[in-house]
Amino acid sequence: MKLAVLAALEQRTALRYTMPGMTSNEATSYVGHQLKIAGRPDQLFTEDALSLIHTTSRGYPRAVNNLALQSLVAAFATGKNLVDEAAARASVSEVVGD
């Protein structure tokens, strides 16, 4: 909020909170929960894929969502039934640009 155009918002902000990222276990549970909500109670991600998603996203929920979605697309595009580390790496390259 250091931009001049946000000065009015800055003046009205009374409280700030920085949310820490989820742990690896929390991120794994989070992805599993999102899959259950979507109607897929089975595990679609390998441990290696989830570990890479967690490390890259630093545990931030929106980043976990984005990487998980891109990983699902990458796995689907290659005809895989599970999201493995290769699909997760492809999603990291797509989202992060490495």
Protein backbone atom coordinates (compact mmCIF):
# COMPACT_ATOMS: atom_id res chain seq x y z
CA MET A 1 0.00 0.00 0.00
CA LYS A 2 2.86 2.34 -0.71
CA LEU A 3 1.29 3.66 -3.91
CA ALA A 4 -0.04 7.20 -3.75
CA VAL A 5 -3.36 6.10 -5.24
CA LEU A 6 -3.89 3.87 -2.20
CA ALA A 7 -3.17 6.60 0.37
CA ALA A 8 -6.86 6.97 1.31
CA LEU A 9 -7.15 3.24 1.93
CA GLU A 10 -3.91 3.30 3.91
CA GLN A 11 -5.34 5.96 6.22
CA ARG A 12 -8.46 3.87 6.89
CA THR A 13 -6.62 0.65 7.65
CA ALA A 14 -6.68 0.26 11.41
CA LEU A 15 -5.43 -3.30 11.69
CA ARG A 16 -3.11 -5.46 9.62
CA TYR A 17 -2.52 -9.15 9.83
CA THR A 18 -0.08 -11.29 7.91
CA MET A 19 -1.31 -14.83 7.63
CA PRO A 20 1.44 -17.45 7.73
CA GLY A 21 1.44 -20.10 5.05
CA MET A 22 0.08 -23.56 5.75
CA THR A 23 2.40 -26.35 6.81
CA SER A 24 2.97 -29.22 4.41
CA ASN A 25 0.45 -31.38 6.29
CA GLU A 26 -2.10 -28.56 6.31
CA ALA A 27 -1.66 -27.98 2.57
CA THR A 28 -2.09 -31.70 1.88
CA SER A 29 -5.27 -31.77 3.97
CA TYR A 30 -6.46 -28.58 2.28
CA VAL A 31 -6.07 -30.05 -1.22
CA GLY A 32 -7.80 -33.25 -0.08
CA HIS A 33 -10.68 -31.23 1.35
CA GLN A 34 -11.04 -29.21 -1.86
CA LEU A 35 -11.16 -32.46 -3.84
CA LYS A 36 -13.87 -33.86 -1.53
CA ILE A 37 -15.94 -30.70 -1.99
CA ALA A 38 -15.58 -31.17 -5.75
CA GLY A 39 -16.81 -34.76 -5.45
CA ARG A 40 -13.48 -36.62 -5.55
CA PRO A 41 -12.84 -38.26 -2.18
CA ASP A 42 -9.89 -40.27 -3.54
CA GLN A 43 -6.34 -38.94 -3.60
CA LEU A 44 -5.42 -37.53 -7.02
CA PHE A 45 -2.00 -36.12 -6.07
CA THR A 46 1.16 -38.04 -5.26
CA GLU A 47 3.14 -37.04 -2.17
CA ASP A 48 5.93 -35.66 -4.37
CA ALA A 49 3.48 -33.47 -6.28
CA LEU A 50 1.94 -32.12 -3.08
CA SER A 51 5.37 -31.45 -1.62
CA LEU A 52 6.40 -29.45 -4.70
CA ILE A 53 3.11 -27.52 -4.68
CA HIS A 54 3.57 -26.70 -1.00
CA THR A 55 7.19 -25.63 -1.40
CA THR A 56 6.48 -23.45 -4.43
CA SER A 57 3.34 -21.86 -2.97
CA ARG A 58 4.92 -21.36 0.46
CA GLY A 59 1.63 -22.69 1.80
CA TYR A 60 -0.48 -19.72 0.74
CA PRO A 61 -4.00 -20.98 -0.08
CA ARG A 62 -4.52 -19.07 -3.34
CA ALA A 63 -1.13 -20.20 -4.65
CA VAL A 64 -1.87 -23.80 -3.57
CA ASN A 65 -5.19 -23.61 -5.46
CA ASN A 66 -3.60 -22.19 -8.61
CA LEU A 67 -0.78 -24.73 -8.68
CA ALA A 68 -3.09 -27.65 -7.89
CA LEU A 69 -5.46 -26.64 -10.69
CA GLN A 70 -2.64 -26.24 -13.21
CA SER A 71 -1.21 -29.58 -12.07
CA LEU A 72 -4.57 -31.27 -12.69
CA VAL A 73 -4.67 -29.76 -16.18
CA ALA A 74 -1.08 -30.86 -16.89
CA ALA A 75 -1.83 -34.42 -15.74
CA PHE A 76 -5.00 -34.53 -17.83
CA ALA A 77 -3.16 -33.22 -20.90
CA THR A 78 -0.69 -36.10 -20.67
CA GLY A 79 -3.36 -38.73 -20.02
CA LYS A 80 -2.37 -39.43 -16.41
CA ASN A 81 -4.86 -40.54 -13.76
CA LEU A 82 -2.76 -39.09 -10.93
CA VAL A 83 -1.01 -35.76 -10.59
CA ASP A 84 2.63 -36.73 -10.22
CA GLU A 85 5.73 -34.63 -9.70
CA ALA A 86 6.20 -34.16 -13.46
CA ALA A 87 2.72 -32.63 -13.79
CA ALA A 88 3.36 -30.44 -10.76
CA ARG A 89 6.68 -29.29 -12.24
CA ALA A 90 4.91 -28.40 -15.48
CA SER A 91 2.40 -26.34 -13.51
CA VAL A 92 5.16 -24.58 -11.59
CA SER A 93 6.81 -23.66 -14.90
CA GLU A 94 3.49 -22.41 -16.25
CA VAL A 95 2.47 -20.38 -13.20
CA VAL A 96 5.86 -19.17 -11.98
CA GLY A 97 7.48 -18.92 -15.38
CA ASP A 98 10.66 -20.87 -14.66
